[in-house]
Amino acid sequence: MGILIDLVEKQNELKKRNLSDVFKENSLFFYKKYQQSDQWVRFTPLREISFGGFYFFFYKDESNWMQYSPVFTVEFKKFENKIIILALNFNFIPLEYRARIFDPFITQNDIEKNRDLVVDYKGIYNKLLTIGYEYSLVEYNLSQMVSAFSIDNQLLPRFLISGFPSNKYDPEKLYKIWLEKLKTKKLRDKEIKKLKIHELYKSTQTKKEDLDLLKERKNRIFRNTERFG
């Protein structure tokens, strides 16, 4: 058992308590912090968002899972007049898997000193690919960002077992999404690896052979960019 998995289990008393109850309790704990931030859950100006860190994003989007996003930031891309943040959205990942993703990349010093993790897009993507959750890496258009809160690494054991109070945690729904995505995992991986991120922001008029498995994602980005800026 790795350091982060161990901390999540111990601090949340997972052997004694119901996981759903822990999730609700932690979600309310962080919700209060978003109302009045402190040194542990800090309101962060958008220009100060760093990469390799844990954040909660309030974001303009048609989906609740995107509007209220607990994330790990991976990298950013800048082109034309857009700045796009690539981040792992925990809403797409079952609670039991979250700590496992980061255990290989985090140390005790990273937690105690609240350091950004040294891991790039490829490292996170490949880790997610092994468990079939690579689709949880999503794009955030900075112009649609409402606010961001940085999470101190010492609160990670609670943050990883949390969400937003109005977003019900539904493991069955997550499992169904995972099963459906698993069917096209290899083909989607092939398309993602040949894809340049700015192509997601082109007109919806694309060649049929392009982005076949990414159309839903592309169309969501395009609709929200048009609607929210």
Protein backbone atom coordinates (compact mmCIF):
# COMPACT_ATOMS: atom_id res chain seq x y z
CA MET A 1 0.00 0.00 0.00
CA GLY A 2 1.36 3.42 -0.98
CA ILE A 3 1.58 6.51 1.19
CA LEU A 4 -1.47 8.30 -0.25
CA ILE A 5 -3.69 5.23 -0.24
CA ASP A 6 -2.73 4.61 3.37
CA LEU A 7 -3.50 8.20 4.39
CA VAL A 8 -6.88 8.16 2.61
CA GLU A 9 -7.85 4.95 4.39
CA LYS A 10 -6.68 6.07 7.84
CA GLN A 11 -7.87 9.68 7.85
CA ASN A 12 -11.31 8.77 6.49
CA GLU A 13 -11.57 5.63 8.68
CA LEU A 14 -12.71 3.71 5.62
CA LYS A 15 -12.59 0.33 7.37
CA LYS A 16 -15.14 1.55 9.91
CA ARG A 17 -17.38 3.88 7.92
CA ASN A 18 -19.65 3.85 4.88
CA LEU A 19 -17.90 5.38 1.85
CA SER A 20 -20.99 7.36 0.81
CA ASP A 21 -21.24 8.95 4.27
CA VAL A 22 -17.56 9.93 4.17
CA PHE A 23 -18.06 11.44 0.70
CA LYS A 24 -20.99 13.58 1.88
CA GLU A 25 -19.16 14.74 4.99
CA ASN A 26 -16.02 15.71 3.08
CA SER A 27 -18.02 17.43 0.33
CA LEU A 28 -19.75 19.65 2.90
CA PHE A 29 -16.41 20.34 4.60
CA PHE A 30 -14.89 21.70 1.37
CA TYR A 31 -18.09 23.50 0.34
CA LYS A 32 -17.79 25.63 3.48
CA LYS A 33 -14.16 26.33 2.61
CA TYR A 34 -15.19 27.57 -0.84
CA GLN A 35 -17.47 30.08 0.89
CA GLN A 36 -14.67 31.37 3.11
CA SER A 37 -11.25 30.21 2.00
CA ASP A 38 -8.18 29.88 4.20
CA GLN A 39 -4.56 28.72 3.94
CA TRP A 40 -5.66 25.13 3.33
CA VAL A 41 -8.29 25.80 0.67
CA ARG A 42 -7.15 29.03 -0.90
CA PHE A 43 -8.98 31.19 -3.39
CA THR A 44 -6.52 31.42 -6.27
CA PRO A 45 -6.42 34.11 -8.99
CA LEU A 46 -6.64 32.39 -12.37
CA ARG A 47 -3.22 33.69 -13.40
CA GLU A 48 -1.71 31.84 -10.42
CA ILE A 49 -3.01 28.38 -11.29
CA SER A 50 -0.02 26.07 -11.46
CA PHE A 51 0.38 22.62 -12.93
CA GLY A 52 0.79 19.45 -10.94
CA GLY A 53 -1.58 20.79 -8.28
CA PHE A 54 -5.03 19.98 -6.89
CA TYR A 55 -7.85 22.50 -7.32
CA PHE A 56 -11.57 22.95 -7.26
CA PHE A 57 -12.89 24.79 -10.31
CA PHE A 58 -16.18 26.65 -10.62
CA TYR A 59 -16.69 26.69 -14.37
CA LYS A 60 -19.30 27.79 -16.92
CA ASP A 61 -20.54 24.65 -18.63
CA GLU A 62 -23.73 22.77 -19.49
CA SER A 63 -22.66 19.79 -17.35
CA ASN A 64 -22.70 19.77 -13.54
CA TRP A 65 -19.63 17.55 -13.58
CA MET A 66 -17.76 20.34 -15.34
CA GLN A 67 -19.39 23.26 -13.50
CA TYR A 68 -18.17 21.90 -10.16
CA SER A 69 -14.84 20.22 -10.81
CA PRO A 70 -12.37 18.74 -8.32
CA VAL A 71 -9.27 18.46 -10.50
CA PHE A 72 -5.57 17.80 -10.85
CA THR A 73 -3.99 20.24 -13.30
CA VAL A 74 -1.72 18.73 -15.95
CA GLU A 75 -0.68 21.39 -18.48
CA PHE A 76 -1.97 24.24 -20.60
CA LYS A 77 -2.07 25.12 -24.25
CA LYS A 78 -2.25 28.61 -25.73
CA PHE A 79 -3.34 29.37 -29.26
CA GLU A 80 -5.08 32.26 -30.98
CA ASN A 81 -6.90 34.05 -28.13
CA LYS A 82 -7.56 30.96 -26.00
CA ILE A 83 -5.82 29.46 -22.99
CA ILE A 84 -6.82 25.86 -22.37
CA ILE A 85 -6.08 24.06 -19.12
CA LEU A 86 -5.83 20.28 -19.31
CA ALA A 87 -6.89 18.68 -16.05
CA LEU A 88 -8.00 15.36 -14.59
CA ASN A 89 -11.62 15.73 -13.47
CA PHE A 90 -12.27 13.49 -10.45
CA ASN A 91 -16.02 13.48 -11.09
CA PHE A 92 -15.38 10.83 -13.75
CA ILE A 93 -13.38 8.54 -11.45
CA PRO A 94 -14.72 6.22 -8.72
CA LEU A 95 -13.61 7.10 -5.20
CA GLU A 96 -11.71 3.84 -4.78
CA TYR A 97 -9.37 4.63 -7.70
CA ARG A 98 -8.46 8.24 -7.03
CA ALA A 99 -5.58 7.77 -4.59
CA ARG A 100 -4.16 4.89 -6.65
CA ILE A 101 -3.64 7.20 -9.60
CA PHE A 102 -1.33 9.54 -7.68
CA ASP A 103 0.45 7.14 -5.36
CA PRO A 104 3.32 6.55 -7.85
CA PHE A 105 3.90 10.29 -8.23
CA ILE A 106 3.68 11.63 -4.67
CA THR A 107 6.07 11.59 -1.70
CA GLN A 108 5.76 12.44 1.96
CA ASN A 109 7.65 15.69 1.31
CA ASP A 110 5.21 16.60 -1.46
CA ILE A 111 2.40 16.29 1.04
CA GLU A 112 4.05 18.00 4.00
CA LYS A 113 5.55 20.86 1.95
CA ASN A 114 2.53 21.20 -0.34
CA ARG A 115 4.61 20.84 -3.50
CA ASP A 116 3.21 20.47 -6.99
CA LEU A 117 3.70 16.93 -8.26
CA VAL A 118 6.38 16.30 -10.85
CA VAL A 119 4.35 14.48 -13.49
CA ASP A 120 3.49 15.51 -17.04
CA TYR A 121 0.52 14.86 -19.31
CA LYS A 122 2.05 11.68 -20.72
CA GLY A 123 2.69 10.23 -17.25
CA ILE A 124 -0.86 10.87 -16.04
CA TYR A 125 -2.45 9.83 -19.34
CA ASN A 126 -0.57 6.52 -19.42
CA LYS A 127 -1.48 5.79 -15.79
CA LEU A 128 -5.15 6.48 -16.52
CA LEU A 129 -4.99 4.40 -19.68
CA THR A 130 -3.99 1.31 -17.70
CA ILE A 131 -7.28 1.45 -15.78
CA GLY A 132 -9.41 2.78 -18.63
CA TYR A 133 -10.10 6.27 -17.26
CA GLU A 134 -8.06 8.34 -19.72
CA TYR A 135 -11.28 10.13 -20.77
CA SER A 136 -11.27 11.90 -17.38
CA LEU A 137 -8.58 14.24 -18.75
CA VAL A 138 -10.60 17.18 -20.01
CA GLU A 139 -10.12 20.73 -21.31
CA TYR A 140 -11.06 23.93 -19.50
CA ASN A 141 -11.25 27.17 -21.44
CA LEU A 142 -9.82 29.83 -19.12
CA SER A 143 -12.37 32.38 -20.34
CA GLN A 144 -15.14 30.16 -18.95
CA MET A 145 -13.51 29.81 -15.54
CA VAL A 146 -15.47 31.46 -12.71
CA SER A 147 -13.08 30.80 -9.81
CA ALA A 148 -10.45 28.37 -8.60
CA PHE A 149 -9.41 27.14 -5.16
CA SER A 150 -6.08 25.45 -4.53
CA ILE A 151 -6.13 22.50 -2.16
CA ASP A 152 -3.23 22.03 0.26
CA ASN A 153 -1.75 18.57 -0.20
CA GLN A 154 -2.24 17.83 3.48
CA LEU A 155 -5.98 17.82 2.81
CA LEU A 156 -5.67 15.41 -0.12
CA PRO A 157 -6.91 12.38 1.85
CA ARG A 158 -10.22 14.20 2.36
CA PHE A 159 -10.31 15.98 -1.00
CA LEU A 160 -9.97 12.73 -2.92
CA ILE A 161 -13.09 11.42 -1.18
CA SER A 162 -15.22 14.47 -1.92
CA GLY A 163 -17.10 16.31 -4.63
CA PHE A 164 -19.72 19.06 -4.67
CA PRO A 165 -22.79 18.67 -2.42
CA SER A 166 -25.30 19.05 -5.25
CA ASN A 167 -23.55 16.41 -7.38
CA LYS A 168 -24.69 13.01 -6.17
CA TYR A 169 -21.99 10.36 -6.21
CA ASP A 170 -23.28 7.51 -8.36
CA PRO A 171 -20.80 4.61 -8.69
CA GLU A 172 -23.21 2.64 -10.91
CA LYS A 173 -23.34 5.50 -13.41
CA LEU A 174 -19.57 5.77 -13.39
CA TYR A 175 -19.27 2.04 -13.97
CA LYS A 176 -21.66 2.19 -16.94
CA ILE A 177 -19.70 5.07 -18.48
CA TRP A 178 -16.47 3.15 -17.95
CA LEU A 179 -17.87 0.02 -19.61
CA GLU A 180 -19.09 2.02 -22.59
CA LYS A 181 -15.79 3.89 -22.98
CA LEU A 182 -13.84 0.65 -22.63
CA LYS A 183 -15.35 -0.64 -25.89
CA THR A 184 -13.59 2.07 -27.89
CA LYS A 185 -10.55 2.58 -25.65
CA LYS A 186 -7.91 1.56 -28.20
CA LEU A 187 -9.38 3.54 -31.06
CA ARG A 188 -9.93 6.60 -28.87
CA ASP A 189 -6.34 6.38 -27.64
CA LYS A 190 -5.15 6.33 -31.24
CA GLU A 191 -7.19 9.41 -32.12
CA ILE A 192 -6.15 11.32 -28.99
CA LYS A 193 -2.46 10.69 -29.66
CA LYS A 194 -2.68 12.07 -33.18
CA LEU A 195 -4.90 14.97 -32.14
CA LYS A 196 -3.67 18.52 -31.71
CA ILE A 197 -5.72 20.23 -29.03
CA HIS A 198 -6.59 23.26 -31.16
CA GLU A 199 -8.45 20.94 -33.52
CA LEU A 200 -11.10 20.52 -30.85
CA TYR A 201 -11.89 24.21 -31.22
CA LYS A 202 -12.34 24.31 -34.96
CA SER A 203 -15.74 24.52 -36.59
CA THR A 204 -18.01 21.51 -36.08
CA GLN A 205 -17.67 20.88 -39.80
CA THR A 206 -14.95 18.22 -39.82
CA LYS A 207 -14.16 15.36 -42.12
CA LYS A 208 -15.98 12.17 -41.19
CA GLU A 209 -12.75 10.28 -40.64
CA ASP A 210 -11.47 12.89 -38.20
CA LEU A 211 -12.24 12.64 -34.47
CA ASP A 212 -14.95 10.00 -34.96
CA LEU A 213 -14.73 8.91 -31.33
CA LEU A 214 -14.23 12.42 -29.97
CA LYS A 215 -17.24 14.11 -31.59
CA GLU A 216 -19.25 14.32 -28.37
CA ARG A 217 -16.33 15.90 -26.55
CA LYS A 218 -15.57 18.25 -29.43
CA ASN A 219 -19.19 19.33 -29.78
CA ARG A 220 -19.48 20.03 -26.05
CA ILE A 221 -16.41 22.23 -26.16
CA PHE A 222 -17.68 24.07 -29.22
CA ARG A 223 -21.18 24.63 -27.77
CA ASN A 224 -19.84 25.90 -24.45
CA THR A 225 -17.28 28.16 -26.10
CA GLU A 226 -20.05 29.70 -28.17
CA ARG A 227 -22.38 30.03 -25.18
CA PHE A 228 -20.02 31.09 -22.42
CA GLY A 229 -17.09 32.67 -24.26
